[in-house]
Protein backbone atom coordinates (compact mmCIF):
# COMPACT_ATOMS: atom_id res chain seq x y z
CA MET A 1 8.43 21.37 14.47
CA ARG A 2 5.27 23.56 15.33
CA ALA A 3 4.28 24.09 11.68
CA PHE A 4 4.93 20.32 10.76
CA ALA A 5 2.95 19.32 14.16
CA GLU A 6 0.15 21.74 13.29
CA LEU A 7 0.08 20.08 9.61
CA LEU A 8 -0.29 16.62 10.89
CA ASP A 9 -2.90 17.61 13.45
CA ARG A 10 -4.93 19.32 10.79
CA LEU A 11 -4.59 16.51 8.30
CA SER A 12 -5.54 13.82 11.01
CA LEU A 13 -8.89 15.52 11.65
CA THR A 14 -9.76 16.43 7.97
CA ALA A 15 -11.70 13.93 6.03
CA SER A 16 -11.95 15.83 2.76
CA ARG A 17 -9.37 14.89 -0.02
CA ASN A 18 -9.42 18.39 -1.46
CA ALA A 19 -9.13 19.74 1.99
CA LYS A 20 -5.96 17.76 2.67
CA LEU A 21 -4.48 18.88 -0.69
CA VAL A 22 -4.97 22.34 0.36
CA LEU A 23 -3.61 21.96 3.67
CA LEU A 24 -0.50 20.30 2.49
CA ARG A 25 -0.18 23.05 -0.47
CA ASP A 26 -0.49 25.63 1.92
CA TYR A 27 2.40 24.32 4.11
CA LEU A 28 4.66 23.67 1.43
CA LYS A 29 4.14 27.23 0.20
CA ALA A 30 4.77 28.78 3.50
CA THR A 31 7.57 26.59 4.94
CA PRO A 32 11.14 27.26 3.71
CA ASP A 33 13.67 24.67 2.54
CA PRO A 34 14.77 22.18 3.88
CA ASP A 35 11.96 21.75 6.49
CA ARG A 36 9.23 21.31 3.82
CA GLY A 37 11.28 18.75 1.85
CA TRP A 38 11.64 16.74 5.04
CA ALA A 39 7.97 16.96 5.92
CA LEU A 40 7.15 15.64 2.21
CA ALA A 41 9.57 12.77 2.58
CA ALA A 42 7.97 11.81 5.76
CA LEU A 43 4.32 11.94 4.21
CA THR A 44 5.54 9.91 1.09
CA GLY A 45 7.26 7.27 3.18
CA ASP A 46 10.77 8.16 2.09
CA LEU A 47 12.10 8.94 5.48
CA THR A 48 12.96 6.19 8.00
CA PHE A 49 15.08 6.14 11.19
CA ASN A 50 16.41 2.86 11.89
CA ASP A 51 17.88 3.42 15.36
CA ALA A 52 14.65 5.21 16.65
CA LYS A 53 12.40 2.18 17.75
CA PRO A 54 9.12 2.02 19.63
CA ALA A 55 10.77 0.11 22.32
CA MET A 56 13.28 2.90 22.97
CA ILE A 57 10.44 5.31 23.34
CA ARG A 58 8.63 3.17 25.72
CA ARG A 59 11.74 2.92 27.81
CA ALA A 60 12.16 6.42 27.91
CA VAL A 61 8.63 7.19 29.10
CA GLU A 62 8.71 4.39 31.72
CA ALA A 63 11.83 6.06 33.35
CA ARG A 64 9.78 9.14 33.79
CA VAL A 65 6.28 7.51 34.48
CA ASP A 66 4.98 4.70 36.52
CA PRO A 67 4.86 1.82 34.08
CA VAL A 68 1.55 0.28 35.36
CA LEU A 69 0.11 3.78 34.77
CA PHE A 70 1.72 4.11 31.33
CA GLY A 71 0.39 0.62 30.43
CA TRP A 72 -3.14 1.49 31.53
CA SER A 73 -2.95 4.86 29.66
CA TYR A 74 -1.58 3.12 26.52
CA ASP A 75 -4.31 0.47 26.74
CA TYR A 76 -7.13 3.07 26.92
CA VAL A 77 -5.64 5.66 24.23
CA GLY A 78 -4.57 2.79 21.78
CA ASP A 79 -1.75 4.83 19.93
CA LEU A 80 1.80 5.03 21.30
CA ALA A 81 2.57 8.53 19.95
CA GLU A 82 -0.57 10.12 21.45
CA THR A 83 -0.13 8.20 24.82
CA VAL A 84 3.50 9.47 25.31
CA ALA A 85 2.74 12.99 24.07
CA LEU A 86 -0.02 13.40 26.78
CA ILE A 87 1.71 11.57 29.64
CA TRP A 88 5.29 12.89 29.39
CA PRO A 89 5.94 14.90 32.48
CA GLY A 90 8.77 17.08 31.07
CA ASP A 91 11.87 18.27 33.02
CA PRO A 92 12.00 21.99 33.76
CA ASP A 93 15.65 21.88 34.41
CA ARG A 94 16.24 20.24 30.92
CA ARG A 95 14.07 22.38 28.83
CA PRO A 96 15.82 24.44 26.22
CA ASN A 97 15.01 27.98 25.37
CA ARG A 98 13.22 27.06 22.07
CA GLU A 99 11.64 24.18 20.21
CA PRO A 100 13.97 22.23 17.65
CA GLU A 101 13.00 22.67 13.93
CA LEU A 102 12.19 19.78 11.81
CA ALA A 103 15.51 19.97 9.73
CA GLU A 104 17.53 20.11 13.24
CA VAL A 105 15.84 16.86 14.30
CA ILE A 106 16.53 15.09 10.94
CA ASP A 107 20.24 16.28 11.08
CA ALA A 108 20.86 15.26 14.62
CA LEU A 109 19.33 11.70 14.10
CA SER A 110 21.28 11.33 10.85
CA THR A 111 24.67 11.70 12.68
CA ALA A 112 23.90 10.32 16.16
CA LYS A 113 25.19 7.01 17.14
CA ARG A 114 22.81 4.29 18.40
CA GLY A 115 23.45 5.03 22.06
CA GLU A 116 22.71 8.64 21.63
CA VAL A 117 19.39 8.49 20.04
CA GLN A 118 17.26 7.81 23.27
CA GLY A 119 19.04 11.00 25.01
CA LEU A 120 18.11 13.06 22.00
CA ILE A 121 14.45 11.97 21.86
CA GLU A 122 14.03 12.90 25.83
CA GLY A 123 15.51 16.09 25.23
CA TRP A 124 13.08 16.85 22.30
CA LEU A 125 10.02 15.63 24.31
CA ASP A 126 11.15 18.02 27.14
CA ALA A 127 11.33 20.91 24.69
CA LEU A 128 8.04 20.40 22.93
CA ALA A 129 4.37 20.88 23.74
CA PRO A 130 2.07 17.89 23.62
CA LYS A 131 1.14 18.43 20.03
CA GLY A 132 4.93 18.72 19.14
CA ARG A 133 5.59 15.68 21.12
CA TRP A 134 2.98 13.61 19.10
CA ALA A 135 4.25 14.90 15.82
CA LEU A 136 7.81 13.98 16.90
CA LEU A 137 6.96 10.50 17.65
CA LYS A 138 4.81 10.00 14.66
CA LEU A 139 7.86 11.11 12.52
CA LEU A 140 10.13 8.69 14.42
CA THR A 141 8.04 5.50 14.33
CA GLY A 142 6.95 6.47 10.52
CA ALA A 143 3.23 5.66 11.59
CA LEU A 144 1.83 9.09 10.75
CA ARG A 145 -1.80 7.86 9.90
CA VAL A 146 -3.06 11.27 8.67
CA GLY A 147 -4.91 9.89 5.43
CA MET A 148 -2.29 11.23 3.13
CA SER A 149 -1.05 8.71 0.52
CA ALA A 150 2.15 9.12 -1.24
CA ARG A 151 0.49 10.18 -4.50
CA LEU A 152 -1.86 12.55 -2.77
CA ALA A 153 1.34 14.18 -1.28
CA LYS A 154 2.86 14.66 -4.52
CA THR A 155 -0.52 15.96 -5.84
CA ALA A 156 -0.41 18.56 -3.42
CA THR A 157 3.22 19.34 -4.12
CA ALA A 158 2.38 19.79 -7.86
CA MET A 159 -0.15 22.39 -6.80
CA ILE A 160 2.53 24.89 -5.36
CA ARG A 161 3.48 25.74 -8.95
CA PRO A 162 2.57 29.55 -9.58
CA ALA A 163 0.99 30.68 -12.92
CA ALA A 164 3.84 32.83 -13.49
CA VAL A 165 7.10 34.29 -12.11
CA SER A 166 8.78 37.56 -12.33
CA GLU A 167 12.26 37.85 -13.80
CA PRO A 168 14.86 40.57 -12.71
CA PRO A 169 14.88 43.69 -14.59
CA ASP A 170 17.25 43.86 -17.47
CA PRO A 171 19.34 47.06 -18.33
CA ASP A 172 16.84 47.82 -21.40
CA GLY A 173 13.56 47.64 -19.59
CA GLY A 174 11.38 46.76 -16.50
CA GLU A 175 10.73 43.55 -14.77
CA THR A 176 9.24 40.94 -16.93
CA THR A 177 6.59 38.15 -16.18
CA VAL A 178 7.07 34.65 -17.58
CA ALA A 179 4.07 32.26 -17.50
CA LEU A 180 4.59 28.72 -16.32
CA ASP A 181 2.64 25.66 -17.45
CA PRO A 182 0.82 23.74 -14.84
CA VAL A 183 2.43 20.59 -13.47
CA ASP A 184 0.57 17.39 -13.41
CA VAL A 185 1.37 14.82 -10.56
CA SER A 186 2.42 12.28 -13.39
CA GLU A 187 5.55 14.71 -14.09
CA ILE A 188 6.49 14.61 -10.55
CA GLU A 189 6.28 10.77 -10.40
CA GLU A 190 8.34 10.61 -13.58
CA VAL A 191 11.33 12.26 -11.80
CA TRP A 192 10.71 11.07 -8.29
CA ASN A 193 13.03 8.14 -8.22
CA GLY A 194 15.93 10.37 -9.27
CA LEU A 195 15.38 12.80 -6.33
CA GLU A 196 16.74 12.63 -2.77
CA PRO A 197 15.25 14.54 0.27
CA PRO A 198 14.81 17.27 1.01
CA TYR A 199 14.04 17.84 -2.78
CA ALA A 200 15.40 21.40 -3.29
CA ASP A 201 15.70 20.70 -7.04
CA LEU A 202 11.96 19.75 -7.22
CA PHE A 203 10.78 22.75 -5.60
CA ALA A 204 13.17 25.05 -7.51
CA TRP A 205 11.56 23.60 -10.68
CA LEU A 206 8.05 23.77 -9.54
CA GLU A 207 8.61 27.50 -8.37
CA GLY A 208 10.27 28.60 -11.66
CA ARG A 209 13.68 28.95 -10.23
CA GLY A 210 15.25 25.82 -12.08
CA GLU A 211 15.27 23.54 -14.71
CA ARG A 212 13.04 20.22 -14.27
CA PRO A 213 15.11 17.38 -12.76
CA SER A 214 16.22 14.69 -15.39
CA THR A 215 13.77 12.28 -16.65
CA THR A 216 16.59 10.15 -18.58
CA ALA A 217 18.32 8.65 -15.78
CA PRO A 218 18.59 4.85 -16.53
CA GLY A 219 16.60 2.49 -14.52
CA ARG A 220 14.05 4.87 -13.61
CA PHE A 221 10.38 4.12 -12.56
CA ARG A 222 7.51 5.16 -14.86
CA PRO A 223 4.34 6.19 -13.37
CA VAL A 224 1.84 3.16 -13.64
CA MET A 225 -1.35 3.14 -15.41
CA LEU A 226 -4.24 1.92 -13.31
CA ALA A 227 -7.77 0.39 -14.11
CA VAL A 228 -11.07 1.41 -12.74
CA ALA A 229 -13.65 -1.23 -11.57
CA ILE A 230 -16.16 -1.94 -14.26
CA ASP A 231 -19.97 -1.25 -13.63
CA GLU A 232 -21.75 -4.22 -15.04
CA ALA A 233 -25.02 -2.40 -15.24
CA VAL A 234 -23.77 0.64 -16.97
CA ASP A 235 -20.47 0.02 -19.11
CA PHE A 236 -21.30 -3.09 -20.95
CA ALA A 237 -24.09 -1.49 -22.64
CA ARG A 238 -21.92 1.27 -24.14
CA LEU A 239 -18.82 -0.77 -24.69
CA ASP A 240 -18.06 -2.51 -27.94
CA PRO A 241 -16.16 -5.97 -27.29
CA ALA A 242 -14.12 -5.45 -30.47
CA ASP A 243 -12.43 -2.49 -28.85
CA TYR A 244 -11.13 -4.21 -25.84
CA ALA A 245 -8.43 -6.88 -25.24
CA ALA A 246 -8.93 -9.20 -22.35
CA GLU A 247 -6.48 -10.70 -20.13
CA TRP A 248 -6.25 -12.30 -16.82
CA LYS A 249 -5.89 -10.15 -13.63
CA TRP A 250 -3.19 -12.08 -12.09
CA ASP A 251 -3.14 -12.82 -8.46
CA GLY A 252 0.40 -11.46 -7.70
CA ILE A 253 1.88 -8.08 -7.14
CA ARG A 254 2.06 -5.36 -9.77
CA VAL A 255 5.80 -4.54 -10.67
CA GLN A 256 7.81 -2.74 -13.21
CA ALA A 257 10.96 -4.53 -14.37
CA VAL A 258 13.55 -2.12 -15.83
CA ARG A 259 17.05 -2.67 -17.40
CA GLU A 260 18.62 0.28 -19.10
CA ALA A 261 22.31 0.93 -19.81
CA GLY A 262 23.60 -1.56 -17.26
CA VAL A 263 21.30 -0.50 -14.66
CA ALA A 264 18.45 -3.23 -13.47
CA LYS A 265 15.83 -2.47 -11.02
CA LEU A 266 12.42 -4.14 -10.02
CA TYR A 267 9.72 -1.61 -8.58
CA SER A 268 6.41 -2.18 -6.92
CA ARG A 269 3.45 -0.14 -8.37
CA THR A 270 4.13 2.48 -5.75
CA GLY A 271 7.64 3.03 -7.11
CA ASP A 272 9.48 1.29 -4.17
CA GLU A 273 12.40 -0.80 -5.43
CA ILE A 274 12.23 -4.36 -4.35
CA SER A 275 15.26 -5.80 -6.39
CA ALA A 276 17.05 -6.96 -3.37
CA SER A 277 14.27 -9.25 -2.42
CA PHE A 278 14.14 -10.95 -5.92
CA PRO A 279 17.80 -11.43 -7.01
CA ASP A 280 16.77 -14.52 -8.99
CA VAL A 281 14.52 -12.59 -11.07
CA MET A 282 16.76 -9.68 -11.81
CA ALA A 283 19.58 -12.11 -12.81
CA GLY A 284 17.26 -13.99 -15.29
CA LEU A 285 16.17 -10.76 -17.01
CA THR A 286 18.18 -9.89 -20.00
CA PHE A 287 15.97 -7.46 -22.18
CA GLU A 288 16.87 -3.76 -22.62
CA GLY A 289 13.86 -1.70 -21.67
CA ALA A 290 11.04 -1.43 -19.06
CA VAL A 291 8.36 -4.07 -18.63
CA ASP A 292 5.02 -3.76 -16.92
CA GLY A 293 3.62 -7.02 -15.43
CA GLU A 294 2.75 -9.06 -12.51
CA LEU A 295 5.27 -10.77 -9.99
CA LEU A 296 4.32 -14.35 -9.34
CA VAL A 297 5.74 -17.70 -8.25
CA TRP A 298 6.24 -19.73 -11.36
CA ARG A 299 6.79 -23.41 -10.81
CA ASP A 300 7.00 -25.97 -13.70
CA GLY A 301 5.07 -23.88 -16.15
CA VAL A 302 2.34 -23.30 -13.57
CA VAL A 303 1.53 -19.79 -11.65
CA ALA A 304 1.27 -20.89 -8.05
CA PRO A 305 -1.32 -19.23 -5.64
CA PHE A 306 -0.66 -15.89 -3.90
CA GLY A 307 0.27 -17.66 -0.80
CA ASP A 308 3.46 -19.05 -2.26
CA LEU A 309 4.48 -15.56 -3.29
CA GLN A 310 3.87 -14.17 0.30
CA GLN A 311 6.89 -16.50 1.35
CA ARG A 312 9.10 -14.00 -0.86
CA LEU A 313 7.55 -10.50 0.12
CA ASN A 314 8.80 -8.21 2.78
CA ARG A 315 12.13 -9.87 3.00
CA LYS A 316 15.28 -7.81 3.23
CA THR A 317 17.43 -10.62 2.28
CA ILE A 318 16.59 -13.98 0.61
CA ASP A 319 18.40 -17.48 0.87
CA ALA A 320 19.09 -19.97 -1.88
CA LYS A 321 16.67 -22.35 -0.39
CA THR A 322 13.71 -20.06 -0.35
CA MET A 323 14.45 -18.97 -3.97
CA ALA A 324 14.54 -22.55 -4.99
CA ALA A 325 11.34 -23.68 -3.21
CA PHE A 326 9.36 -20.46 -4.48
CA PRO A 327 10.79 -19.41 -7.92
CA ALA A 328 9.54 -16.09 -8.95
CA ALA A 329 8.83 -14.68 -12.38
CA VAL A 330 7.19 -11.79 -14.16
CA VAL A 331 4.28 -12.22 -16.24
CA ALA A 332 4.49 -9.25 -18.61
CA TYR A 333 1.35 -7.58 -20.08
CA ASP A 334 2.94 -4.26 -21.46
CA LEU A 335 6.24 -2.75 -22.63
CA LEU A 336 6.83 0.86 -21.65
CA ALA A 337 10.41 1.28 -23.23
CA ASP A 338 12.41 -0.80 -25.65
CA ASN A 339 16.04 -0.23 -26.29
CA GLY A 340 16.02 3.56 -25.40
CA GLU A 341 12.71 4.16 -27.10
CA ASP A 342 9.61 5.40 -24.96
CA LEU A 343 6.56 3.35 -26.03
CA ARG A 344 3.87 4.82 -23.73
CA ALA A 345 2.36 7.17 -26.31
CA LEU A 346 1.70 4.16 -28.77
CA PRO A 347 -1.43 2.41 -28.94
CA LEU A 348 -1.73 -1.01 -26.88
CA ARG A 349 -1.92 -2.93 -30.08
CA ASP A 350 1.51 -1.78 -31.18
CA ARG A 351 3.21 -1.99 -27.58
CA ARG A 352 1.55 -5.58 -27.40
CA ALA A 353 3.36 -6.51 -30.70
CA ARG A 354 6.50 -5.30 -29.44
CA LEU A 355 6.16 -7.03 -26.14
CA GLU A 356 5.46 -10.25 -27.97
CA ALA A 357 8.63 -9.96 -30.00
CA LEU A 358 10.73 -9.18 -26.96
CA ILE A 359 9.54 -12.01 -24.99
CA ALA A 360 9.91 -14.59 -27.87
CA ALA A 361 13.63 -13.52 -28.19
CA HIS A 362 14.16 -13.72 -24.44
CA ALA A 363 15.75 -16.85 -22.91
CA GLY A 364 15.25 -18.30 -19.47
CA ASP A 365 12.17 -18.82 -17.20
CA ARG A 366 11.81 -15.37 -15.57
CA LEU A 367 9.82 -13.61 -18.03
CA HIS A 368 6.57 -14.78 -19.61
CA LEU A 369 3.85 -13.33 -21.66
CA SER A 370 0.41 -12.67 -20.17
CA PRO A 371 -1.88 -14.27 -22.94
CA ASP A 372 -4.83 -12.67 -24.44
CA VAL A 373 -8.29 -14.19 -23.52
CA PRO A 374 -10.19 -14.66 -26.72
CA TYR A 375 -13.99 -14.10 -26.63
CA ALA A 376 -16.89 -13.23 -28.85
CA ASP A 377 -18.98 -11.13 -26.58
CA TRP A 378 -19.58 -10.02 -23.01
CA SER A 379 -21.65 -12.72 -21.98
CA ALA A 380 -18.91 -15.36 -23.15
CA LEU A 381 -16.33 -13.26 -21.23
CA GLY A 382 -18.59 -13.31 -18.15
CA ARG A 383 -18.67 -17.23 -18.18
CA LEU A 384 -15.07 -17.22 -18.22
CA ARG A 385 -14.80 -14.80 -15.34
CA ALA A 386 -17.03 -16.94 -13.28
CA ASP A 387 -15.31 -20.10 -13.85
CA PRO A 388 -11.72 -19.32 -15.18
CA PRO A 389 -9.53 -22.31 -16.20
CA VAL A 390 -6.75 -20.62 -14.46
CA GLY A 391 -8.68 -21.16 -11.11
CA ALA A 392 -6.81 -19.44 -8.02
CA ALA A 393 -4.06 -17.83 -9.89
CA ALA A 394 -6.42 -15.30 -11.44
CA GLU A 395 -8.63 -13.13 -9.52
CA GLY A 396 -10.73 -11.69 -12.59
CA LEU A 397 -10.15 -10.08 -15.86
CA MET A 398 -8.55 -7.03 -17.34
CA LEU A 399 -10.12 -5.07 -20.20
CA LYS A 400 -8.09 -2.71 -22.23
CA ARG A 401 -8.83 -0.53 -25.10
CA TRP A 402 -6.70 -1.79 -28.14
CA ASP A 403 -6.02 2.05 -29.15
CA SER A 404 -5.23 3.17 -25.57
CA ALA A 405 -1.77 4.95 -24.70
CA TYR A 406 -0.17 4.27 -21.54
CA VAL A 407 -1.34 7.10 -19.21
CA ALA A 408 -0.13 7.50 -15.68
CA GLY A 409 -2.92 7.51 -13.07
CA ARG A 410 -6.46 6.08 -13.21
CA PRO A 411 -8.16 7.29 -16.32
CA LYS A 412 -11.88 6.51 -17.03
CA GLY A 413 -12.48 4.33 -19.99
CA PRO A 414 -9.14 2.86 -21.33
CA TRP A 415 -8.69 0.16 -18.79
CA PHE A 416 -11.14 -1.84 -16.79
CA LYS A 417 -10.85 -4.48 -14.01
CA TRP A 418 -13.53 -6.95 -13.68
CA LYS A 419 -12.74 -8.99 -10.44
CA ARG A 420 -14.19 -12.33 -9.50
CA ASP A 421 -16.96 -12.40 -6.89
CA PRO A 422 -15.16 -12.84 -3.48
CA HIS A 423 -15.66 -16.05 -1.44
CA THR A 424 -17.71 -15.81 1.73
CA LEU A 425 -18.05 -17.65 5.01
CA ASP A 426 -20.15 -17.15 7.94
CA CYS A 427 -17.92 -16.89 11.30
CA VAL A 428 -18.07 -16.18 14.79
CA LEU A 429 -16.76 -13.00 16.58
CA MET A 430 -14.07 -14.34 19.01
CA TYR A 431 -11.79 -11.44 19.86
CA ALA A 432 -11.65 -7.58 19.46
CA GLN A 433 -8.77 -5.14 19.77
CA ARG A 434 -8.65 -1.46 19.80
CA GLY A 435 -7.78 0.53 16.58
CA HIS A 436 -5.31 3.27 16.06
CA GLY A 437 -5.72 6.91 15.17
CA LYS A 438 -9.39 7.99 14.79
CA ARG A 439 -10.25 4.36 16.01
CA SER A 440 -8.33 4.40 19.04
CA SER A 441 -11.41 4.68 21.15
CA PHE A 442 -13.15 1.94 19.39
CA TYR A 443 -12.84 -2.00 19.22
CA SER A 444 -12.41 -2.22 15.50
CA ASP A 445 -10.07 -5.11 14.87
CA PHE A 446 -11.97 -8.43 14.90
CA THR A 447 -10.73 -12.07 15.04
CA PHE A 448 -13.26 -14.63 14.07
CA GLY A 449 -13.48 -18.48 13.96
CA CYS A 450 -15.33 -21.33 12.63
CA TRP A 451 -16.55 -24.50 14.41
CA THR A 452 -14.56 -27.57 14.80
CA GLU A 453 -15.85 -31.07 14.98
CA GLU A 454 -15.44 -31.03 18.71
CA GLY A 455 -17.77 -28.04 18.99
CA ALA A 456 -15.09 -25.40 19.68
CA LEU A 457 -14.12 -22.31 17.63
CA SER A 458 -10.81 -22.10 15.65
CA PRO A 459 -9.76 -18.70 14.57
CA VAL A 460 -9.47 -18.44 10.90
CA GLY A 461 -8.83 -14.67 10.20
CA LYS A 462 -8.67 -11.06 11.50
CA ALA A 463 -10.61 -7.99 9.79
CA TYR A 464 -10.56 -4.46 10.43
CA PHE A 465 -12.63 -3.02 7.50
CA GLY A 466 -15.81 -3.56 5.55
CA PHE A 467 -18.27 -2.04 7.89
CA THR A 468 -19.77 1.47 8.33
CA ASP A 469 -19.11 4.03 11.06
CA ASP A 470 -22.45 3.20 12.40
CA GLU A 471 -21.82 -0.53 12.11
CA LEU A 472 -18.40 -0.02 13.96
CA LYS A 473 -20.30 1.61 16.84
CA GLN A 474 -22.76 -1.45 17.00
CA LEU A 475 -19.85 -3.64 16.87
CA ASP A 476 -17.84 -1.91 19.69
CA LYS A 477 -20.95 -1.86 21.93
CA PHE A 478 -21.52 -5.71 21.30
CA VAL A 479 -17.69 -6.29 22.36
CA ARG A 480 -17.99 -4.12 25.55
CA ASP A 481 -21.28 -5.62 26.40
CA HIS A 482 -20.19 -9.36 26.12
CA THR A 483 -16.42 -9.31 27.16
CA LEU A 484 -15.24 -12.40 29.04
CA GLU A 485 -11.47 -11.53 29.44
CA ARG A 486 -8.99 -8.88 28.64
CA PHE A 487 -5.56 -9.27 27.52
CA GLY A 488 -3.93 -5.78 27.33
CA PRO A 489 -5.74 -4.05 24.47
CA VAL A 490 -7.62 -7.32 23.14
CA ARG A 491 -10.90 -8.63 24.54
CA SER A 492 -12.30 -11.97 24.21
CA VAL A 493 -15.92 -12.04 23.54
CA ARG A 494 -18.62 -14.40 24.54
CA ALA A 495 -18.94 -16.97 21.67
CA GLU A 496 -20.80 -20.11 22.34
CA ARG A 497 -23.16 -22.50 20.43
CA ASP A 498 -26.17 -20.79 21.80
CA PHE A 499 -24.78 -17.36 21.72
CA GLY A 500 -22.50 -15.19 19.58
CA LEU A 501 -22.29 -12.91 16.78
CA VAL A 502 -21.90 -14.22 13.34
CA LEU A 503 -20.13 -12.03 10.66
CA GLU A 504 -20.24 -12.67 6.94
CA ILE A 505 -16.55 -12.67 5.91
CA ALA A 506 -15.66 -11.73 2.22
CA PHE A 507 -12.21 -12.72 1.18
CA GLU A 508 -10.08 -13.17 -2.01
CA GLY A 509 -8.44 -16.71 -1.30
CA LEU A 510 -7.25 -19.28 0.99
CA ASN A 511 -3.86 -20.62 1.60
CA ARG A 512 -2.58 -23.25 3.68
CA SER A 513 -0.50 -21.96 6.69
CA SER A 514 1.44 -23.85 9.38
CA ARG A 515 1.64 -20.51 11.35
CA HIS A 516 -2.06 -20.56 12.02
CA LYS A 517 -3.87 -22.86 14.39
CA SER A 518 -6.54 -23.62 11.86
CA GLY A 519 -4.05 -24.28 9.24
CA VAL A 520 -5.22 -21.61 6.91
CA ALA A 521 -4.84 -18.08 6.10
CA MET A 522 -7.42 -15.83 4.32
CA ARG A 523 -6.28 -13.27 1.81
CA PHE A 524 -7.81 -9.90 2.23
CA PRO A 525 -10.70 -10.61 4.69
CA ARG A 526 -13.35 -7.95 5.41
CA ILE A 527 -16.64 -7.94 7.03
CA SER A 528 -19.24 -7.90 4.38
CA ARG A 529 -22.19 -8.25 6.52
CA ILE A 530 -23.13 -8.42 10.25
CA ARG A 531 -25.48 -11.39 10.79
CA TRP A 532 -27.54 -10.43 13.69
CA ASP A 533 -30.19 -12.67 12.35
CA LYS A 534 -28.07 -16.01 12.32
CA PRO A 535 -27.59 -18.23 15.27
CA ALA A 536 -23.90 -18.88 16.02
CA ARG A 537 -24.45 -22.50 15.92
CA GLU A 538 -25.24 -22.13 12.06
CA ALA A 539 -21.89 -20.40 11.34
CA ASN A 540 -19.56 -22.38 9.00
CA THR A 541 -17.29 -25.15 10.26
CA LEU A 542 -13.62 -25.79 9.73
CA ASN A 543 -14.38 -28.59 7.55
CA ASP A 544 -16.24 -26.12 5.12
CA VAL A 545 -13.09 -23.97 5.21
CA MET A 546 -10.95 -26.99 4.19
CA ASP A 547 -13.35 -28.05 1.60
CA MET A 548 -13.12 -24.64 0.03
CA LEU A 549 -9.50 -24.70 0.12
CA ASP A 550 -9.30 -28.10 -1.53
CA ALA A 551 -11.64 -26.82 -4.29
CA ILE A 552 -9.53 -23.49 -4.83
CA GLU A 553 -6.49 -25.53 -5.11
CA ALA A 554 -8.09 -28.17 -7.47
CA GLY A 555 -8.92 -25.00 -9.68
CA GLY A 556 -5.46 -23.82 -9.71
CA GLY A 557 -4.23 -27.07 -11.06
CA ARG A 558 -5.73 -26.45 -14.53
CA LEU A 559 -3.41 -23.19 -14.92
CA ALA A 560 -0.67 -25.02 -17.22
CA THR A 561 -3.08 -25.51 -20.03
CA VAL A 562 -3.50 -21.63 -20.39
CA VAL A 563 -0.46 -19.83 -19.39
CA VAL A 564 2.81 -21.63 -20.72
CA ALA A 565 4.47 -19.23 -23.24
């Protein structure tokens, strides 16, 4: 655990992307199997422990430490793993002769019964130093928060590939050196879904000791191609409209639907399988190949707002009533494989023709074609973007070169995204909560509200990004200087008609919500500006919010004239 703890600690304190890559690369080179494979699984989110719950950790520490003292400490630190690692008293009589290795922890948890897990955790906490305790608890809870995405971890893994390897000497000569080609992260993503932790086959291939894992497994995930945000001031001057197809950027979630040799799977853009959450979609797909598209709620020929899709997301099981109320479908915009043929190297124009033929022959209401958006020039396309006939169901436009191959990653030039300008409202800060990790000593999660007709504030959203580090310090100071009450890690902030901090909130959409007191839920809210200059009484009202919601919903009602395929 010591090497893994040191890796997590250094990653959490390192801001540079390249420095993080070097740290993980060096760890993977120096650490033997299977520890390095388990560490990679933890960093990519492929390692979970269903029986190790935060409540279990809290019970363990409260049995050793005064619960009130622990509560105060947790409130101040703001992070469970860090608090327990620092406050855990240890038990010299139970301390073993050595610290456990990472693989030992994994093996023990994988075979332990539910009632045995807390005892194992307590024993490991006794055996480890504070940094090791912190790493152990981060591992158990899955909340690493070290600034390492799954793709960045795979990129670092590709970097362990040596330039050459030495082969054993043969009877007729000495040792020979064999050069190895570099490995791109997309090659790892191509085989990732066929691998199992701790990835011994993957490391053997990368180090020249084995063959590349199979890329032909049916139902596999293909690494996705992503778009870059267009720079309106620069890019349009050098791009030719005739070279680019335009289509709507749907307000759903990016998916890859695969049916091959009897294997049917639905993946998110990160390669996570979500088939179990959408059995109705999987049952309604009959093609043979791999389709790239957007998962949406499709009702009576109309794409519903994102809020409807949220009723289906992150559910382990789904009942017939929910499926009937929120019928999902895939709106397809690319074809990656067709009847066993890999199409990704073909130009978009050819892939599009094949996709149109596939969907024309497809029965049912679970697969639809994302239509082209005809336009004469960039000005005409800009007018469509500003006032799309598809209303709330589209969050902007996609521009794709007709001659572009389907390339994994985010290459600059072939695909652009041109999102609509966000909605904005001026709201008043009401509550603040401590953050996690690097932000655990700051109030960084802010709840804000709008004025009701009675002159009170009603919460309409919560945001924890959009501001700079300097602005975070200013917000934190305002919260501390104007706190009215404390509720654990949360503080209520003075907010009156004649005194309060106004925040300009940018967001992508509004949905009706019976779960929220205001009756609405914001999509992707963030703080776009701190309005130190604006009196609290001039912030928006809840009626303004409802008027905006009505306008958004009215715009969404025109979708049927464009999308029906």
